[in-house]
Amino acid sequence: MRDLLALGSLICWLVLMIWVYRNSPDWFFVPFFFVATFGYLRLMQPRSS
């Protein structure tokens, strides 16, 4: 189940990046991509409790 959830999250991420790329200028997409990818990876890190 966790693998399916991770795959769904990755697919949604790719769809969002494609949508932003098609609907924004290049000067906006490149910094947005790096910041958003870094934030996504930080969000997906396993938490230690």
N, C-alpha and C. Protein backbone atom coordinates (compact mmCIF):
# COMPACT_ATOMS: atom_id res chain seq x y z
N MET A 1 0.82 -1.20 0.00
CA MET A 1 0.00 0.00 0.00
C MET A 1 0.86 1.26 0.00
N ARG A 2 1.96 1.24 0.76
CA ARG A 2 2.84 2.42 0.79
C ARG A 2 3.50 2.65 -0.56
N ASP A 3 3.82 1.56 -1.26
CA ASP A 3 4.43 1.70 -2.59
C ASP A 3 3.44 2.32 -3.57
N LEU A 4 2.19 1.93 -3.48
CA LEU A 4 1.16 2.49 -4.36
C LEU A 4 0.95 3.98 -4.06
N LEU A 5 0.96 4.33 -2.79
CA LEU A 5 0.81 5.73 -2.40
C LEU A 5 2.01 6.56 -2.89
N ALA A 6 3.21 6.02 -2.76
CA ALA A 6 4.40 6.73 -3.24
C ALA A 6 4.37 6.89 -4.76
N LEU A 7 3.94 5.87 -5.46
CA LEU A 7 3.84 5.96 -6.92
C LEU A 7 2.80 6.99 -7.34
N GLY A 8 1.67 7.01 -6.67
CA GLY A 8 0.64 8.01 -6.96
C GLY A 8 1.14 9.42 -6.70
N SER A 9 1.88 9.59 -5.62
CA SER A 9 2.44 10.90 -5.30
C SER A 9 3.44 11.35 -6.35
N LEU A 10 4.26 10.43 -6.82
CA LEU A 10 5.25 10.75 -7.85
C LEU A 10 4.58 11.11 -9.18
N ILE A 11 3.53 10.39 -9.53
CA ILE A 11 2.80 10.69 -10.77
C ILE A 11 2.15 12.07 -10.68
N CYS A 12 1.54 12.38 -9.53
CA CYS A 12 0.95 13.71 -9.35
C CYS A 12 2.02 14.80 -9.43
N TRP A 13 3.20 14.53 -8.88
CA TRP A 13 4.32 15.48 -8.95
C TRP A 13 4.73 15.73 -10.40
N LEU A 14 4.85 14.67 -11.19
CA LEU A 14 5.23 14.82 -12.59
C LEU A 14 4.17 15.57 -13.38
N VAL A 15 2.90 15.28 -13.14
CA VAL A 15 1.82 15.99 -13.82
C VAL A 15 1.85 17.47 -13.46
N LEU A 16 2.07 17.79 -12.19
CA LEU A 16 2.15 19.19 -11.76
C LEU A 16 3.33 19.90 -12.44
N MET A 17 4.49 19.26 -12.51
CA MET A 17 5.66 19.88 -13.13
C MET A 17 5.43 20.10 -14.62
N ILE A 18 4.78 19.16 -15.30
CA ILE A 18 4.49 19.33 -16.74
C ILE A 18 3.50 20.47 -16.93
N TRP A 19 2.48 20.55 -16.07
CA TRP A 19 1.49 21.61 -16.19
C TRP A 19 2.13 22.99 -15.96
N VAL A 20 2.96 23.10 -14.93
CA VAL A 20 3.63 24.37 -14.65
C VAL A 20 4.57 24.73 -15.79
N TYR A 21 5.29 23.75 -16.33
CA TYR A 21 6.22 24.02 -17.43
C TYR A 21 5.49 24.55 -18.67
N ARG A 22 4.33 23.99 -18.98
CA ARG A 22 3.59 24.41 -20.17
C ARG A 22 2.91 25.76 -19.99
N ASN A 23 2.63 26.16 -18.75
CA ASN A 23 1.85 27.36 -18.50
C ASN A 23 2.65 28.50 -17.87
N SER A 24 3.97 28.41 -17.85
CA SER A 24 4.76 29.48 -17.25
C SER A 24 5.99 29.76 -18.11
N PRO A 25 6.53 30.96 -18.00
CA PRO A 25 7.76 31.28 -18.75
C PRO A 25 8.97 30.53 -18.17
N ASP A 26 10.00 30.40 -18.99
CA ASP A 26 11.19 29.65 -18.57
C ASP A 26 11.86 30.25 -17.34
N TRP A 27 11.90 31.59 -17.25
CA TRP A 27 12.57 32.22 -16.12
C TRP A 27 11.88 31.90 -14.80
N PHE A 28 10.60 31.56 -14.84
CA PHE A 28 9.88 31.18 -13.62
C PHE A 28 10.02 29.69 -13.33
N PHE A 29 9.99 28.87 -14.37
CA PHE A 29 9.94 27.42 -14.15
C PHE A 29 11.21 26.87 -13.52
N VAL A 30 12.36 27.33 -13.98
CA VAL A 30 13.63 26.74 -13.50
C VAL A 30 13.80 26.94 -11.99
N PRO A 31 13.71 28.16 -11.44
CA PRO A 31 13.83 28.27 -9.98
C PRO A 31 12.69 27.56 -9.25
N PHE A 32 11.47 27.62 -9.80
CA PHE A 32 10.35 26.93 -9.17
C PHE A 32 10.61 25.43 -9.10
N PHE A 33 11.15 24.86 -10.17
CA PHE A 33 11.41 23.42 -10.21
C PHE A 33 12.40 23.01 -9.12
N PHE A 34 13.49 23.77 -8.98
CA PHE A 34 14.49 23.41 -7.97
C PHE A 34 13.95 23.57 -6.55
N VAL A 35 13.26 24.67 -6.28
CA VAL A 35 12.71 24.89 -4.95
C VAL A 35 11.63 23.85 -4.62
N ALA A 36 10.75 23.61 -5.58
CA ALA A 36 9.66 22.66 -5.34
C ALA A 36 10.18 21.23 -5.20
N THR A 37 11.18 20.87 -5.99
CA THR A 37 11.75 19.52 -5.87
C THR A 37 12.43 19.33 -4.52
N PHE A 38 13.18 20.33 -4.08
CA PHE A 38 13.82 20.24 -2.77
C PHE A 38 12.77 20.11 -1.66
N GLY A 39 11.70 20.90 -1.76
CA GLY A 39 10.64 20.81 -0.77
C GLY A 39 9.93 19.46 -0.80
N TYR A 40 9.70 18.93 -1.99
CA TYR A 40 9.05 17.63 -2.13
C TYR A 40 9.91 16.53 -1.51
N LEU A 41 11.22 16.56 -1.77
CA LEU A 41 12.10 15.54 -1.20
C LEU A 41 12.17 15.65 0.32
N ARG A 42 12.16 16.87 0.86
CA ARG A 42 12.15 17.04 2.31
C ARG A 42 10.84 16.51 2.90
N LEU A 43 9.73 16.72 2.20
CA LEU A 43 8.44 16.25 2.67
C LEU A 43 8.36 14.73 2.66
N MET A 44 9.02 14.09 1.68
CA MET A 44 8.94 12.64 1.54
C MET A 44 9.94 11.89 2.41
N GLN A 45 10.83 12.60 3.11
CA GLN A 45 11.79 11.91 3.98
C GLN A 45 11.05 11.24 5.15
N PRO A 46 11.48 10.04 5.51
CA PRO A 46 10.82 9.39 6.66
C PRO A 46 11.14 10.14 7.95
N ARG A 47 10.15 10.26 8.79
CA ARG A 47 10.30 10.97 10.06
C ARG A 47 10.74 9.98 11.13
N SER A 48 11.65 10.42 11.98
CA SER A 48 12.03 9.57 13.13
C SER A 48 11.34 10.14 14.36
N SER A 49 10.63 9.29 15.10
CA SER A 49 9.88 9.80 16.25
C SER A 49 10.48 9.38 17.57
